[in-house]
Amino acid sequence: MTNQSPATGTGPDTGTHGERRAPFSRVKVRAGALVFCGDEVALIRRDRPGSVHYTPPGGNVEDGEDFRQALRRELAEELDLDVDQAQGGELMWVVDQRVTRPGPTPSPRKLHLLYRLHITPEVRATLAERELDELPDGSHEVGIIEWVDYRQTAGLPLFPPIGTALAALPDPRADVADAALEPVTDDNYTWV
């Protein structure tokens, strides 16, 4: 079902004159975080029929929402983390995603903003162990919060695909020379 405006006949999949939008003509922003506790980083594991994949905690920025406010909201929702209990918060990486995905909606271009935070073991002990992601039908998909040694992330099915860059850090607080990671496109990634 296309979400259309009654006044114009347009919606998120059509332009101002009702023409069908091309893939990547819409831009979405996802604010995510690499939350470190020592050498371990929090990732959300999703088990789906025939596959398992990981994502850093975070989510889409809502219309008009400040990026850092979106990150604060998402970390509270997914990890029960109050970012005031963490150190850091600097933008670490940006990943430009232009990947064709299945379905009737034209694929958006998505910019993943990945921030870095550090927490203590005491704070970690208070955080959520699972995350519920609401699906369009009102049901929920359960994500398991896993703490993974960051040096082991290169081999994980992690999206956005930051595992190699993450595992290559000399330590969790190491400076990053270039915040722009390789774009994710149909040439180097297939939507699962």
N, C-alpha and C. Protein backbone atom coordinates (compact mmCIF):
# COMPACT_ATOMS: atom_id res chain seq x y z
N MET A 1 0.84 -1.18 0.00
CA MET A 1 0.00 0.00 0.00
C MET A 1 0.89 1.24 0.00
N THR A 2 0.62 2.15 -0.89
CA THR A 2 1.38 3.38 -0.98
C THR A 2 0.75 4.43 -0.08
N ASN A 3 1.56 5.09 0.70
CA ASN A 3 1.10 6.15 1.58
C ASN A 3 0.98 7.42 0.74
N GLN A 4 -0.26 7.82 0.39
CA GLN A 4 -0.44 8.97 -0.47
C GLN A 4 -1.11 10.11 0.28
N SER A 5 -0.71 11.30 -0.09
CA SER A 5 -1.36 12.49 0.44
C SER A 5 -2.66 12.69 -0.34
N PRO A 6 -3.80 12.85 0.35
CA PRO A 6 -5.06 13.03 -0.36
C PRO A 6 -5.07 14.27 -1.25
N ALA A 7 -4.37 15.29 -0.86
CA ALA A 7 -4.39 16.55 -1.61
C ALA A 7 -3.60 16.47 -2.91
N THR A 8 -2.50 15.73 -2.91
CA THR A 8 -1.62 15.74 -4.08
C THR A 8 -1.51 14.40 -4.79
N GLY A 9 -1.96 13.29 -4.14
CA GLY A 9 -1.77 11.98 -4.75
C GLY A 9 -0.33 11.54 -4.70
N THR A 10 0.46 12.20 -3.88
CA THR A 10 1.87 11.83 -3.78
C THR A 10 2.12 11.19 -2.43
N GLY A 11 3.20 10.48 -2.33
CA GLY A 11 3.59 9.83 -1.08
C GLY A 11 5.08 9.64 -1.07
N PRO A 12 5.59 8.81 -0.17
CA PRO A 12 7.03 8.65 -0.06
C PRO A 12 7.66 8.00 -1.29
N ASP A 13 6.85 7.31 -2.12
CA ASP A 13 7.40 6.64 -3.29
C ASP A 13 7.19 7.42 -4.58
N THR A 14 6.55 8.60 -4.47
CA THR A 14 6.29 9.41 -5.65
C THR A 14 6.77 10.83 -5.41
N GLY A 15 7.02 11.52 -6.50
CA GLY A 15 7.46 12.91 -6.42
C GLY A 15 6.29 13.85 -6.28
N THR A 16 6.54 15.15 -6.38
CA THR A 16 5.49 16.15 -6.16
C THR A 16 4.41 16.12 -7.24
N HIS A 17 4.70 15.57 -8.40
CA HIS A 17 3.71 15.52 -9.47
C HIS A 17 3.22 14.09 -9.70
N GLY A 18 3.40 13.19 -8.73
CA GLY A 18 2.88 11.83 -8.82
C GLY A 18 3.76 10.86 -9.59
N GLU A 19 4.90 11.32 -10.11
CA GLU A 19 5.79 10.40 -10.84
C GLU A 19 6.50 9.45 -9.86
N ARG A 20 6.75 8.24 -10.33
CA ARG A 20 7.42 7.23 -9.49
C ARG A 20 8.86 7.66 -9.25
N ARG A 21 9.30 7.58 -7.98
CA ARG A 21 10.67 7.95 -7.64
C ARG A 21 11.65 6.86 -8.05
N ALA A 22 12.83 7.28 -8.40
CA ALA A 22 13.90 6.34 -8.75
C ALA A 22 14.55 5.84 -7.47
N PRO A 23 15.17 4.65 -7.53
CA PRO A 23 15.92 4.18 -6.36
C PRO A 23 16.96 5.23 -5.96
N PHE A 24 17.15 5.37 -4.66
CA PHE A 24 18.16 6.24 -4.05
C PHE A 24 17.84 7.73 -4.17
N SER A 25 16.61 8.08 -4.61
CA SER A 25 16.25 9.50 -4.70
C SER A 25 15.83 10.07 -3.35
N ARG A 26 15.52 9.20 -2.39
CA ARG A 26 15.23 9.63 -1.02
C ARG A 26 16.48 9.37 -0.18
N VAL A 27 16.74 10.22 0.79
CA VAL A 27 17.88 10.02 1.69
C VAL A 27 17.35 9.84 3.11
N LYS A 28 17.78 8.76 3.74
CA LYS A 28 17.47 8.52 5.14
C LYS A 28 18.78 8.56 5.91
N VAL A 29 18.69 8.88 7.19
CA VAL A 29 19.87 8.91 8.05
C VAL A 29 19.61 7.97 9.22
N ARG A 30 20.61 7.14 9.51
CA ARG A 30 20.55 6.23 10.66
C ARG A 30 21.66 6.63 11.63
N ALA A 31 21.29 6.92 12.86
CA ALA A 31 22.28 7.23 13.90
C ALA A 31 22.51 5.96 14.70
N GLY A 32 23.74 5.50 14.74
CA GLY A 32 24.09 4.29 15.48
C GLY A 32 25.30 4.53 16.35
N ALA A 33 25.58 3.55 17.21
CA ALA A 33 26.70 3.72 18.13
C ALA A 33 27.49 2.43 18.28
N LEU A 34 28.78 2.60 18.40
CA LEU A 34 29.67 1.54 18.83
C LEU A 34 29.89 1.82 20.31
N VAL A 35 29.21 1.04 21.14
CA VAL A 35 29.28 1.21 22.59
C VAL A 35 30.29 0.20 23.11
N PHE A 36 31.40 0.70 23.59
CA PHE A 36 32.48 -0.15 24.09
C PHE A 36 32.43 -0.25 25.61
N CYS A 37 32.72 -1.44 26.09
CA CYS A 37 33.02 -1.68 27.50
C CYS A 37 34.35 -2.41 27.48
N GLY A 38 35.42 -1.70 27.72
CA GLY A 38 36.75 -2.29 27.54
C GLY A 38 36.96 -2.62 26.07
N ASP A 39 37.35 -3.87 25.79
CA ASP A 39 37.58 -4.31 24.41
C ASP A 39 36.35 -4.89 23.75
N GLU A 40 35.23 -4.91 24.46
CA GLU A 40 34.01 -5.48 23.88
C GLU A 40 33.07 -4.37 23.43
N VAL A 41 32.37 -4.66 22.33
CA VAL A 41 31.44 -3.70 21.74
C VAL A 41 30.06 -4.35 21.70
N ALA A 42 29.03 -3.55 21.96
CA ALA A 42 27.65 -4.05 21.96
C ALA A 42 27.13 -4.13 20.53
N LEU A 43 26.63 -5.29 20.14
CA LEU A 43 26.00 -5.49 18.84
C LEU A 43 24.66 -6.18 19.05
N ILE A 44 23.72 -5.92 18.17
CA ILE A 44 22.43 -6.58 18.24
C ILE A 44 22.42 -7.71 17.23
N ARG A 45 22.21 -8.93 17.73
CA ARG A 45 22.16 -10.12 16.86
C ARG A 45 20.71 -10.44 16.54
N ARG A 46 20.43 -10.59 15.27
CA ARG A 46 19.09 -10.96 14.84
C ARG A 46 19.16 -12.31 14.14
N ASP A 47 18.40 -13.26 14.69
CA ASP A 47 18.34 -14.60 14.12
C ASP A 47 17.09 -14.68 13.25
N ARG A 48 17.30 -14.91 11.97
CA ARG A 48 16.19 -15.03 11.03
C ARG A 48 16.28 -16.39 10.35
N PRO A 49 15.18 -16.87 9.80
CA PRO A 49 15.24 -18.18 9.14
C PRO A 49 16.34 -18.20 8.07
N GLY A 50 17.31 -19.07 8.26
CA GLY A 50 18.40 -19.22 7.30
C GLY A 50 19.53 -18.22 7.42
N SER A 51 19.45 -17.27 8.36
CA SER A 51 20.54 -16.30 8.47
C SER A 51 20.60 -15.69 9.87
N VAL A 52 21.76 -15.16 10.17
CA VAL A 52 22.01 -14.41 11.39
C VAL A 52 22.74 -13.15 10.95
N HIS A 53 22.38 -12.01 11.50
CA HIS A 53 23.17 -10.82 11.21
C HIS A 53 23.21 -9.91 12.45
N TYR A 54 24.19 -9.04 12.44
CA TYR A 54 24.46 -8.13 13.56
C TYR A 54 24.36 -6.68 13.07
N THR A 55 23.94 -5.81 13.98
CA THR A 55 23.95 -4.37 13.71
C THR A 55 24.39 -3.65 14.98
N PRO A 56 25.02 -2.49 14.84
CA PRO A 56 25.25 -1.67 16.01
C PRO A 56 23.90 -1.11 16.48
N PRO A 57 23.72 -0.87 17.75
CA PRO A 57 22.48 -0.25 18.21
C PRO A 57 22.27 1.10 17.53
N GLY A 58 21.03 1.42 17.24
CA GLY A 58 20.72 2.69 16.60
C GLY A 58 19.48 2.56 15.75
N GLY A 59 19.14 3.63 15.06
CA GLY A 59 17.96 3.59 14.21
C GLY A 59 17.83 4.86 13.39
N ASN A 60 16.76 4.90 12.60
CA ASN A 60 16.54 6.02 11.70
C ASN A 60 16.24 7.30 12.47
N VAL A 61 16.77 8.39 11.94
CA VAL A 61 16.51 9.72 12.47
C VAL A 61 15.14 10.14 11.97
N GLU A 62 14.31 10.61 12.87
CA GLU A 62 12.97 11.05 12.50
C GLU A 62 13.02 12.44 11.89
N ASP A 63 12.00 12.78 11.08
CA ASP A 63 11.94 14.09 10.44
C ASP A 63 12.12 15.20 11.48
N GLY A 64 13.05 16.11 11.22
CA GLY A 64 13.28 17.25 12.09
C GLY A 64 14.07 16.95 13.35
N GLU A 65 14.46 15.70 13.55
CA GLU A 65 15.16 15.32 14.78
C GLU A 65 16.66 15.57 14.64
N ASP A 66 17.27 16.07 15.68
CA ASP A 66 18.71 16.26 15.75
C ASP A 66 19.38 14.88 15.79
N PHE A 67 20.51 14.73 15.11
CA PHE A 67 21.21 13.43 15.05
C PHE A 67 21.55 12.89 16.43
N ARG A 68 22.10 13.76 17.28
CA ARG A 68 22.49 13.30 18.62
C ARG A 68 21.27 12.97 19.47
N GLN A 69 20.18 13.70 19.28
CA GLN A 69 18.96 13.38 20.01
C GLN A 69 18.41 12.04 19.54
N ALA A 70 18.50 11.77 18.25
CA ALA A 70 18.06 10.48 17.71
C ALA A 70 18.90 9.35 18.31
N LEU A 71 20.20 9.57 18.41
CA LEU A 71 21.08 8.56 18.99
C LEU A 71 20.71 8.33 20.45
N ARG A 72 20.48 9.39 21.19
CA ARG A 72 20.10 9.29 22.60
C ARG A 72 18.81 8.46 22.73
N ARG A 73 17.82 8.77 21.89
CA ARG A 73 16.54 8.06 21.92
C ARG A 73 16.72 6.58 21.59
N GLU A 74 17.47 6.30 20.54
CA GLU A 74 17.66 4.91 20.10
C GLU A 74 18.41 4.09 21.15
N LEU A 75 19.44 4.66 21.76
CA LEU A 75 20.19 3.91 22.77
C LEU A 75 19.36 3.66 24.02
N ALA A 76 18.49 4.60 24.35
CA ALA A 76 17.57 4.38 25.48
C ALA A 76 16.58 3.27 25.15
N GLU A 77 16.04 3.28 23.92
CA GLU A 77 15.08 2.26 23.50
C GLU A 77 15.70 0.87 23.40
N GLU A 78 16.88 0.78 22.82
CA GLU A 78 17.46 -0.53 22.50
C GLU A 78 18.33 -1.11 23.60
N LEU A 79 19.08 -0.27 24.30
CA LEU A 79 20.00 -0.77 25.32
C LEU A 79 19.61 -0.37 26.74
N ASP A 80 18.62 0.49 26.88
CA ASP A 80 18.32 1.11 28.18
C ASP A 80 19.52 1.92 28.67
N LEU A 81 20.24 2.51 27.73
CA LEU A 81 21.43 3.29 28.06
C LEU A 81 21.11 4.78 28.05
N ASP A 82 21.42 5.44 29.14
CA ASP A 82 21.38 6.90 29.21
C ASP A 82 22.77 7.36 28.80
N VAL A 83 22.86 8.08 27.67
CA VAL A 83 24.18 8.46 27.17
C VAL A 83 24.96 9.33 28.14
N ASP A 84 24.29 9.93 29.13
CA ASP A 84 25.01 10.69 30.14
C ASP A 84 25.87 9.79 31.02
N GLN A 85 25.62 8.48 30.98
CA GLN A 85 26.42 7.52 31.74
C GLN A 85 27.63 7.05 30.94
N ALA A 86 27.80 7.55 29.73
CA ALA A 86 28.88 7.11 28.85
C ALA A 86 29.87 8.24 28.62
N GLN A 87 31.07 7.86 28.20
CA GLN A 87 32.09 8.83 27.80
C GLN A 87 32.16 8.84 26.28
N GLY A 88 32.65 9.92 25.74
CA GLY A 88 32.84 10.01 24.29
C GLY A 88 31.60 10.58 23.63
N GLY A 89 31.26 10.00 22.51
CA GLY A 89 30.11 10.47 21.76
C GLY A 89 30.50 11.12 20.45
N GLU A 90 31.78 11.02 20.07
CA GLU A 90 32.22 11.64 18.83
C GLU A 90 31.80 10.78 17.63
N LEU A 91 31.57 11.47 16.50
CA LEU A 91 31.27 10.77 15.26
C LEU A 91 32.53 10.03 14.83
N MET A 92 32.39 8.74 14.63
CA MET A 92 33.53 7.90 14.28
C MET A 92 33.59 7.62 12.78
N TRP A 93 32.46 7.14 12.23
CA TRP A 93 32.42 6.78 10.81
C TRP A 93 31.10 7.17 10.18
N VAL A 94 31.15 7.38 8.87
CA VAL A 94 29.97 7.59 8.05
C VAL A 94 30.02 6.56 6.93
N VAL A 95 28.90 5.86 6.74
CA VAL A 95 28.81 4.87 5.66
C VAL A 95 27.65 5.28 4.76
N ASP A 96 27.94 5.43 3.47
CA ASP A 96 26.95 5.80 2.47
C ASP A 96 26.41 4.52 1.84
N GLN A 97 25.12 4.24 2.06
CA GLN A 97 24.52 2.99 1.56
C GLN A 97 23.62 3.29 0.36
N ARG A 98 23.91 2.64 -0.76
CA ARG A 98 23.07 2.69 -1.95
C ARG A 98 22.93 1.27 -2.47
N VAL A 99 22.09 0.49 -1.77
CA VAL A 99 21.91 -0.93 -2.07
C VAL A 99 20.46 -1.18 -2.45
N THR A 100 20.25 -1.83 -3.56
CA THR A 100 18.90 -2.20 -3.98
C THR A 100 18.38 -3.27 -3.05
N ARG A 101 17.16 -3.07 -2.56
CA ARG A 101 16.57 -4.04 -1.66
C ARG A 101 15.25 -4.52 -2.27
N PRO A 102 14.81 -5.71 -1.88
CA PRO A 102 13.56 -6.22 -2.44
C PRO A 102 12.36 -5.45 -1.90
N GLY A 103 11.26 -5.55 -2.62
CA GLY A 103 10.03 -4.92 -2.17
C GLY A 103 9.54 -3.85 -3.12
N PRO A 104 8.31 -3.38 -2.92
CA PRO A 104 7.71 -2.42 -3.83
C PRO A 104 8.19 -0.98 -3.65
N THR A 105 8.78 -0.65 -2.51
CA THR A 105 9.24 0.70 -2.24
C THR A 105 10.62 0.92 -2.85
N PRO A 106 10.81 2.03 -3.59
CA PRO A 106 12.15 2.28 -4.13
C PRO A 106 13.18 2.35 -3.01
N SER A 107 14.32 1.76 -3.24
CA SER A 107 15.37 1.74 -2.24
C SER A 107 15.85 3.15 -1.93
N PRO A 108 15.93 3.49 -0.62
CA PRO A 108 16.46 4.81 -0.28
C PRO A 108 17.98 4.78 -0.23
N ARG A 109 18.57 5.93 -0.35
CA ARG A 109 19.98 6.08 -0.02
C ARG A 109 20.01 6.31 1.48
N LYS A 110 20.89 5.64 2.19
CA LYS A 110 20.93 5.80 3.64
C LYS A 110 22.35 6.15 4.07
N LEU A 111 22.44 7.16 4.91
CA LEU A 111 23.71 7.53 5.51
C LEU A 111 23.72 7.01 6.94
N HIS A 112 24.68 6.15 7.25
CA HIS A 112 24.84 5.61 8.60
C HIS A 112 25.87 6.46 9.32
N LEU A 113 25.45 7.13 10.39
CA LEU A 113 26.35 7.91 11.23
C LEU A 113 26.66 7.05 12.45
N LEU A 114 27.92 6.69 12.63
CA LEU A 114 28.32 5.81 13.73
C LEU A 114 29.16 6.59 14.73
N TYR A 115 28.60 6.70 15.93
CA TYR A 115 29.26 7.41 17.02
C TYR A 115 29.95 6.38 17.93
N ARG A 116 30.93 6.85 18.70
CA ARG A 116 31.66 5.95 19.62
C ARG A 116 31.44 6.40 21.06
N LEU A 117 31.06 5.43 21.90
CA LEU A 117 30.85 5.67 23.33
C LEU A 117 31.58 4.62 24.14
N HIS A 118 31.94 4.96 25.35
CA HIS A 118 32.59 4.02 26.27
C HIS A 118 31.82 4.01 27.58
N ILE A 119 31.59 2.80 28.10
CA ILE A 119 30.89 2.67 29.38
C ILE A 119 31.70 1.80 30.32
N THR A 120 31.37 1.86 31.58
CA THR A 120 32.04 1.05 32.59
C THR A 120 31.32 -0.29 32.74
N PRO A 121 31.98 -1.28 33.34
CA PRO A 121 31.31 -2.56 33.61
C PRO A 121 30.07 -2.38 34.50
N GLU A 122 30.11 -1.40 35.40
CA GLU A 122 28.96 -1.15 36.27
C GLU A 122 27.74 -0.70 35.46
N VAL A 123 27.96 0.17 34.49
CA VAL A 123 26.86 0.61 33.62
C VAL A 123 26.39 -0.56 32.75
N ARG A 124 27.33 -1.30 32.20
CA ARG A 124 26.98 -2.45 31.35
C ARG A 124 26.07 -3.43 32.08
N ALA A 125 26.30 -3.64 33.36
CA ALA A 125 25.50 -4.59 34.14
C ALA A 125 24.03 -4.18 34.24
N THR A 126 23.73 -2.91 33.98
CA THR A 126 22.35 -2.43 34.08
C THR A 126 21.62 -2.41 32.73
N LEU A 127 22.32 -2.72 31.65
CA LEU A 127 21.75 -2.57 30.31
C LEU A 127 20.88 -3.76 29.90
N ALA A 128 20.07 -3.51 28.89
CA ALA A 128 19.17 -4.55 28.36
C ALA A 128 19.99 -5.69 27.75
N GLU A 129 19.40 -6.86 27.75
CA GLU A 129 20.03 -8.04 27.14
C GLU A 129 19.36 -8.42 25.84
N ARG A 130 18.19 -7.81 25.57
CA ARG A 130 17.51 -8.05 24.30
C ARG A 130 16.78 -6.78 23.90
N GLU A 131 16.48 -6.70 22.62
CA GLU A 131 15.82 -5.52 22.06
C GLU A 131 14.65 -5.99 21.22
N LEU A 132 13.53 -5.29 21.33
CA LEU A 132 12.34 -5.64 20.55
C LEU A 132 12.16 -4.61 19.45
N ASP A 133 12.16 -5.08 18.20
CA ASP A 133 12.00 -4.21 17.05
C ASP A 133 10.59 -4.41 16.52
N GLU A 134 9.77 -3.35 16.55
CA GLU A 134 8.39 -3.48 16.11
C GLU A 134 8.32 -3.64 14.60
N LEU A 135 7.55 -4.63 14.16
CA LEU A 135 7.36 -4.91 12.74
C LEU A 135 6.08 -4.24 12.25
N PRO A 136 5.93 -4.07 10.93
CA PRO A 136 4.74 -3.37 10.40
C PRO A 136 3.41 -3.97 10.86
N ASP A 137 3.36 -5.28 11.13
CA ASP A 137 2.10 -5.92 11.54
C ASP A 137 1.84 -5.78 13.05
N GLY A 138 2.72 -5.07 13.76
CA GLY A 138 2.54 -4.87 15.20
C GLY A 138 3.24 -5.89 16.07
N SER A 139 3.73 -6.98 15.46
CA SER A 139 4.49 -7.96 16.22
C SER A 139 5.91 -7.43 16.43
N HIS A 140 6.74 -8.19 17.12
CA HIS A 140 8.11 -7.75 17.41
C HIS A 140 9.12 -8.82 17.02
N GLU A 141 10.25 -8.35 16.49
CA GLU A 141 11.39 -9.21 16.24
C GLU A 141 12.36 -9.00 17.41
N VAL A 142 12.83 -10.10 17.98
CA VAL A 142 13.72 -10.02 19.13
C VAL A 142 15.17 -9.96 18.65
N GLY A 143 15.90 -8.99 19.17
CA GLY A 143 17.33 -8.90 18.93
C GLY A 143 18.05 -9.17 20.24
N ILE A 144 19.10 -9.95 20.18
CA ILE A 144 19.90 -10.28 21.36
C ILE A 144 21.10 -9.33 21.41
N ILE A 145 21.29 -8.69 22.55
CA ILE A 145 22.45 -7.81 22.73
C ILE A 145 23.65 -8.70 23.06
N GLU A 146 24.63 -8.69 22.18
CA GLU A 146 25.86 -9.47 22.41
C GLU A 146 27.02 -8.51 22.57
N TRP A 147 27.90 -8.85 23.49
CA TRP A 147 29.13 -8.09 23.68
C TRP A 147 30.25 -8.90 23.04
N VAL A 148 30.86 -8.33 22.02
CA VAL A 148 31.83 -9.04 21.19
C VAL A 148 33.17 -8.31 21.26
N ASP A 149 34.25 -9.07 21.38
CA ASP A 149 35.57 -8.46 21.31
C ASP A 149 35.68 -7.78 19.94
N TYR A 150 35.94 -6.49 19.94
CA TYR A 150 35.92 -5.73 18.68
C TYR A 150 36.88 -6.29 17.64
N ARG A 151 37.95 -6.96 18.09
CA ARG A 151 38.93 -7.51 17.15
C ARG A 151 38.40 -8.73 16.42
N GLN A 152 37.26 -9.25 16.86
CA GLN A 152 36.65 -10.44 16.24
C GLN A 152 35.51 -10.08 15.28
N THR A 153 35.31 -8.81 15.01
CA THR A 153 34.15 -8.40 14.22
C THR A 153 34.34 -8.53 12.71
N ALA A 154 35.57 -8.69 12.25
CA ALA A 154 35.81 -8.75 10.80
C ALA A 154 35.09 -9.93 10.15
N GLY A 155 34.91 -11.01 10.88
CA GLY A 155 34.27 -12.18 10.30
C GLY A 155 32.77 -12.27 10.54
N LEU A 156 32.19 -11.27 11.19
CA LEU A 156 30.76 -11.31 11.49
C LEU A 156 29.93 -10.75 10.33
N PRO A 157 28.70 -11.27 10.15
CA PRO A 157 27.78 -10.66 9.18
C PRO A 157 27.18 -9.39 9.80
N LEU A 158 27.93 -8.33 9.73
CA LEU A 158 27.62 -7.07 10.40
C LEU A 158 27.19 -6.04 9.36
N PHE A 159 26.07 -5.33 9.63
CA PHE A 159 25.63 -4.29 8.71
C PHE A 159 25.34 -3.01 9.49
N PRO A 160 25.84 -1.87 9.02
CA PRO A 160 26.65 -1.75 7.82
C PRO A 160 27.97 -2.51 7.98
N PRO A 161 28.57 -2.89 6.86
CA PRO A 161 29.77 -3.74 6.92
C PRO A 161 31.01 -2.99 7.40
N ILE A 162 31.09 -2.82 8.72
CA ILE A 162 32.18 -2.06 9.34
C ILE A 162 33.14 -2.98 10.08
N GLY A 163 32.89 -4.30 10.05
CA GLY A 163 33.67 -5.24 10.84
C GLY A 163 35.16 -5.18 10.59
N THR A 164 35.57 -5.09 9.33
CA THR A 164 37.00 -5.06 9.01
C THR A 164 37.66 -3.81 9.57
N ALA A 165 37.02 -2.66 9.39
CA ALA A 165 37.57 -1.40 9.92
C ALA A 165 37.60 -1.42 11.44
N LEU A 166 36.55 -1.95 12.05
CA LEU A 166 36.47 -2.02 13.51
C LEU A 166 37.57 -2.93 14.06
N ALA A 167 37.72 -4.11 13.47
CA ALA A 167 38.73 -5.06 13.95
C ALA A 167 40.15 -4.55 13.76
N ALA A 168 40.35 -3.64 12.81
CA ALA A 168 41.70 -3.12 12.53
C ALA A 168 42.12 -2.01 13.50
N LEU A 169 41.22 -1.52 14.35
CA LEU A 169 41.61 -0.48 15.30
C LEU A 169 42.68 -1.03 16.25
N PRO A 170 43.73 -0.26 16.53
CA PRO A 170 44.74 -0.73 17.48
C PRO A 170 44.18 -0.85 18.90
N ASP A 171 43.19 -0.03 19.23
CA ASP A 171 42.49 -0.13 20.51
C ASP A 171 41.16 0.61 20.37
N PRO A 172 40.21 0.40 21.29
CA PRO A 172 38.88 0.99 21.15
C PRO A 172 38.84 2.52 21.14
N ARG A 173 39.89 3.16 21.66
CA ARG A 173 39.91 4.62 21.71
C ARG A 173 40.81 5.24 20.63
N ALA A 174 41.30 4.42 19.72
CA ALA A 174 42.24 4.90 18.69
C ALA A 174 41.59 5.96 17.81
N ASP A 175 42.38 6.94 17.43
CA ASP A 175 41.90 7.95 16.50
C ASP A 175 41.62 7.31 15.15
N VAL A 176 40.64 7.85 14.45
CA VAL A 176 40.29 7.38 13.12
C VAL A 176 40.72 8.46 12.14
N ALA A 177 41.56 8.08 11.17
CA ALA A 177 42.11 9.05 10.23
C ALA A 177 41.06 9.57 9.25
N ASP A 178 40.17 8.71 8.79
CA ASP A 178 39.17 9.09 7.79
C ASP A 178 37.81 8.57 8.23
N ALA A 179 36.88 9.47 8.47
CA ALA A 179 35.56 9.07 8.96
C ALA A 179 34.70 8.43 7.88
N ALA A 180 35.03 8.64 6.61
CA ALA A 180 34.23 8.09 5.52
C ALA A 180 34.72 6.68 5.19
N LEU A 181 33.90 5.69 5.50
CA LEU A 181 34.23 4.32 5.11
C LEU A 181 33.76 4.07 3.68
N GLU A 182 34.19 2.96 3.11
CA GLU A 182 33.81 2.62 1.74
C GLU A 182 32.29 2.58 1.60
N PRO A 183 31.75 3.22 0.56
CA PRO A 183 30.30 3.15 0.35
C PRO A 183 29.84 1.71 0.16
N VAL A 184 28.60 1.45 0.55
CA VAL A 184 27.99 0.13 0.37
C VAL A 184 27.06 0.26 -0.83
N THR A 185 27.37 -0.47 -1.90
CA THR A 185 26.60 -0.37 -3.14
C THR A 185 26.25 -1.77 -3.64
N ASP A 186 25.48 -1.82 -4.71
CA ASP A 186 25.15 -3.11 -5.33
C ASP A 186 26.39 -3.82 -5.85
N ASP A 187 27.47 -3.08 -6.08
CA ASP A 187 28.72 -3.70 -6.56
C ASP A 187 29.46 -4.49 -5.49
N ASN A 188 29.25 -4.12 -4.19
CA ASN A 188 30.00 -4.81 -3.14
C ASN A 188 29.14 -5.41 -2.05
N TYR A 189 27.79 -5.34 -2.21
CA TYR A 189 26.92 -5.90 -1.19
C TYR A 189 25.61 -6.34 -1.83
N THR A 190 25.09 -7.49 -1.38
CA THR A 190 23.80 -7.98 -1.85
C THR A 190 22.86 -8.02 -0.67
N TRP A 191 21.70 -7.37 -0.79
CA TRP A 191 20.71 -7.35 0.29
C TRP A 191 20.23 -8.75 0.53
N VAL A 192 20.19 -9.16 1.81
CA VAL A 192 19.76 -10.52 2.14
C VAL A 192 18.31 -10.48 2.62
